[in-house]
Amino acid sequence: MAALTKLLRQSFYEKALDAELDDHLGYHRHEAKQGTNSRNDYTKKTVKTDDGQLEINTPRDRQSEFESQIIKKRETRTPALDSKILSLYAKGMTTRSIVETLSEFYGGRRLSDVDLQFV
């Protein structure tokens, strides 16, 4: 069960980070780029969760302007988000409800631009 939870968290964080980069750049992966900035591969980051360490791939942009809201630069611990994610999945909430709840982490900003795809 612990391995499944770890995989779920890793997948969630990576998809959320990709969705944030899509929002930042203004286009989705495999679409024609808009502007001069574009994706620039990934970098590995170790994040400490309530259940131990988790290695995730964080996306980068060429101009180094991308600043994630879900896991900020130099941030290595995410206990509040871990607890929130697990409780939402445990309650059987819909994807839309989870996105609305996570909007708290984005300063109350509506997340329709970041898509429901990352949940």
C-alpha atoms as a PDB file:
ATOM      1  CA  MET A   1       0.000   0.000   0.000  1.00  0.00           C
ATOM      2  CA  ALA A   2       2.848   2.393   0.800  1.00  0.00           C
ATOM      3  CA  ALA A   3       4.324   1.883  -2.672  1.00  0.00           C
ATOM      4  CA  LEU A   4       0.972   2.641  -4.275  1.00  0.00           C
ATOM      5  CA  THR A   5       0.590   5.826  -2.214  1.00  0.00           C
ATOM      6  CA  LYS A   6       4.109   6.896  -3.181  1.00  0.00           C
ATOM      7  CA  LEU A   7       3.399   6.286  -6.866  1.00  0.00           C
ATOM      8  CA  LEU A   8       0.100   8.194  -6.612  1.00  0.00           C
ATOM      9  CA  ARG A   9       1.821  11.183  -5.009  1.00  0.00           C
ATOM     10  CA  GLN A  10       4.670  11.173  -7.507  1.00  0.00           C
ATOM     11  CA  SER A  11       2.258  11.029 -10.423  1.00  0.00           C
ATOM     12  CA  PHE A  12       0.102  13.795  -8.950  1.00  0.00           C
ATOM     13  CA  TYR A  13       3.021  16.156  -8.342  1.00  0.00           C
ATOM     14  CA  GLU A  14       4.540  15.579 -11.783  1.00  0.00           C
ATOM     15  CA  LYS A  15       1.227  16.096 -13.590  1.00  0.00           C
ATOM     16  CA  ALA A  16       0.469  19.183 -11.508  1.00  0.00           C
ATOM     17  CA  LEU A  17       3.895  20.657 -12.289  1.00  0.00           C
ATOM     18  CA  ASP A  18       3.446  19.939 -16.013  1.00  0.00           C
ATOM     19  CA  ALA A  19       0.029  21.612 -15.931  1.00  0.00           C
ATOM     20  CA  GLU A  20       1.519  24.639 -14.177  1.00  0.00           C
ATOM     21  CA  LEU A  21       4.209  24.903 -16.851  1.00  0.00           C
ATOM     22  CA  ASP A  22       1.529  24.637 -19.563  1.00  0.00           C
ATOM     23  CA  ASP A  23      -0.277  27.530 -17.893  1.00  0.00           C
ATOM     24  CA  HIS A  24       2.926  29.535 -17.553  1.00  0.00           C
ATOM     25  CA  LEU A  25       3.953  29.056 -21.195  1.00  0.00           C
ATOM     26  CA  GLY A  26       0.431  29.453 -22.582  1.00  0.00           C
ATOM     27  CA  TYR A  27       0.369  26.197 -24.541  1.00  0.00           C
ATOM     28  CA  HIS A  28       0.245  22.443 -23.931  1.00  0.00           C
ATOM     29  CA  ARG A  29       2.992  19.962 -24.707  1.00  0.00           C
ATOM     30  CA  HIS A  30       3.126  19.016 -28.413  1.00  0.00           C
ATOM     31  CA  GLU A  31       1.354  22.237 -29.479  1.00  0.00           C
ATOM     32  CA  ALA A  32       3.023  25.047 -31.376  1.00  0.00           C
ATOM     33  CA  LYS A  33       4.868  27.268 -28.942  1.00  0.00           C
ATOM     34  CA  GLN A  34       3.737  30.805 -28.314  1.00  0.00           C
ATOM     35  CA  GLY A  35       6.404  33.422 -27.653  1.00  0.00           C
ATOM     36  CA  THR A  36      10.108  32.880 -27.138  1.00  0.00           C
ATOM     37  CA  ASN A  37      10.043  30.726 -24.009  1.00  0.00           C
ATOM     38  CA  SER A  38       9.632  26.954 -24.235  1.00  0.00           C
ATOM     39  CA  ARG A  39      10.072  23.723 -22.305  1.00  0.00           C
ATOM     40  CA  ASN A  40      13.597  22.652 -21.408  1.00  0.00           C
ATOM     41  CA  ASP A  41      13.442  19.074 -20.151  1.00  0.00           C
ATOM     42  CA  TYR A  42      13.176  18.126 -16.465  1.00  0.00           C
ATOM     43  CA  THR A  43      15.326  18.120 -13.373  1.00  0.00           C
ATOM     44  CA  LYS A  44      15.061  15.650 -10.505  1.00  0.00           C
ATOM     45  CA  LYS A  45      14.040  16.948  -7.103  1.00  0.00           C
ATOM     46  CA  THR A  46      13.757  15.072  -3.823  1.00  0.00           C
ATOM     47  CA  VAL A  47      10.796  16.150  -1.725  1.00  0.00           C
ATOM     48  CA  LYS A  48      10.189  15.005   1.835  1.00  0.00           C
ATOM     49  CA  THR A  49       6.612  13.918   2.459  1.00  0.00           C
ATOM     50  CA  ASP A  50       4.869  12.622   5.561  1.00  0.00           C
ATOM     51  CA  ASP A  51       5.776   9.080   4.449  1.00  0.00           C
ATOM     52  CA  GLY A  52       9.411   9.632   3.460  1.00  0.00           C
ATOM     53  CA  GLN A  53      11.307  10.973   0.483  1.00  0.00           C
ATOM     54  CA  LEU A  54       9.843  11.193  -2.988  1.00  0.00           C
ATOM     55  CA  GLU A  55      11.851  11.850  -6.149  1.00  0.00           C
ATOM     56  CA  ILE A  56       9.946  13.828  -8.758  1.00  0.00           C
ATOM     57  CA  ASN A  57      10.793  15.264 -12.162  1.00  0.00           C
ATOM     58  CA  THR A  58      10.223  19.013 -12.163  1.00  0.00           C
ATOM     59  CA  PRO A  59       9.823  20.717 -15.559  1.00  0.00           C
ATOM     60  CA  ARG A  60      12.019  23.617 -16.611  1.00  0.00           C
ATOM     61  CA  ASP A  61      11.635  26.406 -19.141  1.00  0.00           C
ATOM     62  CA  ARG A  62      14.424  27.834 -21.278  1.00  0.00           C
ATOM     63  CA  GLN A  63      14.315  31.312 -19.746  1.00  0.00           C
ATOM     64  CA  SER A  64      14.195  30.042 -16.137  1.00  0.00           C
ATOM     65  CA  GLU A  65      11.087  32.111 -15.424  1.00  0.00           C
ATOM     66  CA  PHE A  66       8.856  29.227 -14.328  1.00  0.00           C
ATOM     67  CA  GLU A  67       8.098  29.260 -10.584  1.00  0.00           C
ATOM     68  CA  SER A  68       5.865  26.417  -9.457  1.00  0.00           C
ATOM     69  CA  GLN A  69       3.159  27.176  -6.917  1.00  0.00           C
ATOM     70  CA  ILE A  70       2.635  23.620  -5.734  1.00  0.00           C
ATOM     71  CA  ILE A  71       6.319  22.949  -4.951  1.00  0.00           C
ATOM     72  CA  LYS A  72       8.363  26.118  -4.948  1.00  0.00           C
ATOM     73  CA  LYS A  73      12.048  26.363  -5.773  1.00  0.00           C
ATOM     74  CA  ARG A  74      14.273  25.241  -2.906  1.00  0.00           C
ATOM     75  CA  GLU A  75      11.228  23.862  -1.071  1.00  0.00           C
ATOM     76  CA  THR A  76      11.832  20.309   0.043  1.00  0.00           C
ATOM     77  CA  ARG A  77       8.841  19.537   2.280  1.00  0.00           C
ATOM     78  CA  THR A  78       5.124  19.424   1.480  1.00  0.00           C
ATOM     79  CA  PRO A  79       3.273  18.093   4.541  1.00  0.00           C
ATOM     80  CA  ALA A  80       0.164  20.275   4.247  1.00  0.00           C
ATOM     81  CA  LEU A  81      -0.371  19.367   0.610  1.00  0.00           C
ATOM     82  CA  ASP A  82       0.248  15.669   1.269  1.00  0.00           C
ATOM     83  CA  SER A  83      -2.440  15.571   3.915  1.00  0.00           C
ATOM     84  CA  LYS A  84      -4.891  17.484   1.741  1.00  0.00           C
ATOM     85  CA  ILE A  85      -4.371  15.240  -1.303  1.00  0.00           C
ATOM     86  CA  LEU A  86      -4.794  12.042   0.673  1.00  0.00           C
ATOM     87  CA  SER A  87      -7.898  13.247   2.469  1.00  0.00           C
ATOM     88  CA  LEU A  88      -9.522  14.357  -0.790  1.00  0.00           C
ATOM     89  CA  TYR A  89      -8.896  11.010  -2.475  1.00  0.00           C
ATOM     90  CA  ALA A  90     -10.019   9.136   0.622  1.00  0.00           C
ATOM     91  CA  LYS A  91     -13.295  11.073   0.661  1.00  0.00           C
ATOM     92  CA  GLY A  92     -13.945  10.079  -2.947  1.00  0.00           C
ATOM     93  CA  MET A  93     -14.220  13.674  -4.144  1.00  0.00           C
ATOM     94  CA  THR A  94     -14.715  14.427  -7.809  1.00  0.00           C
ATOM     95  CA  THR A  95     -11.899  15.840  -9.905  1.00  0.00           C
ATOM     96  CA  ARG A  96     -13.661  19.198 -10.054  1.00  0.00           C
ATOM     97  CA  SER A  97     -13.977  19.324  -6.259  1.00  0.00           C
ATOM     98  CA  ILE A  98     -10.308  18.472  -5.807  1.00  0.00           C
ATOM     99  CA  VAL A  99      -9.271  21.237  -8.218  1.00  0.00           C
ATOM    100  CA  GLU A 100     -11.450  23.754  -6.377  1.00  0.00           C
ATOM    101  CA  THR A 101      -9.927  22.732  -3.065  1.00  0.00           C
ATOM    102  CA  LEU A 102      -6.386  22.936  -4.424  1.00  0.00           C
ATOM    103  CA  SER A 103      -7.052  26.466  -5.674  1.00  0.00           C
ATOM    104  CA  GLU A 104      -6.303  27.538  -2.086  1.00  0.00           C
ATOM    105  CA  PHE A 105      -2.653  26.807  -2.811  1.00  0.00           C
ATOM    106  CA  TYR A 106      -2.798  29.172  -5.780  1.00  0.00           C
ATOM    107  CA  GLY A 107      -4.018  32.161  -3.779  1.00  0.00           C
ATOM    108  CA  GLY A 108      -7.685  31.522  -4.554  1.00  0.00           C
ATOM    109  CA  ARG A 109      -7.056  31.730  -8.303  1.00  0.00           C
ATOM    110  CA  ARG A 110      -9.510  29.746 -10.397  1.00  0.00           C
ATOM    111  CA  LEU A 111      -7.674  26.783 -11.896  1.00  0.00           C
ATOM    112  CA  SER A 112      -9.612  26.336 -15.113  1.00  0.00           C
ATOM    113  CA  ASP A 113      -6.503  27.433 -17.056  1.00  0.00           C
ATOM    114  CA  VAL A 114      -4.397  24.759 -15.416  1.00  0.00           C
ATOM    115  CA  ASP A 115      -6.874  22.088 -16.525  1.00  0.00           C
ATOM    116  CA  LEU A 116      -8.469  19.237 -14.721  1.00  0.00           C
ATOM    117  CA  GLN A 117      -5.991  16.886 -16.397  1.00  0.00           C
ATOM    118  CA  PHE A 118      -3.426  16.957 -13.624  1.00  0.00           C
ATOM    119  CA  VAL A 119      -5.682  15.496 -10.932  1.00  0.00           C
END
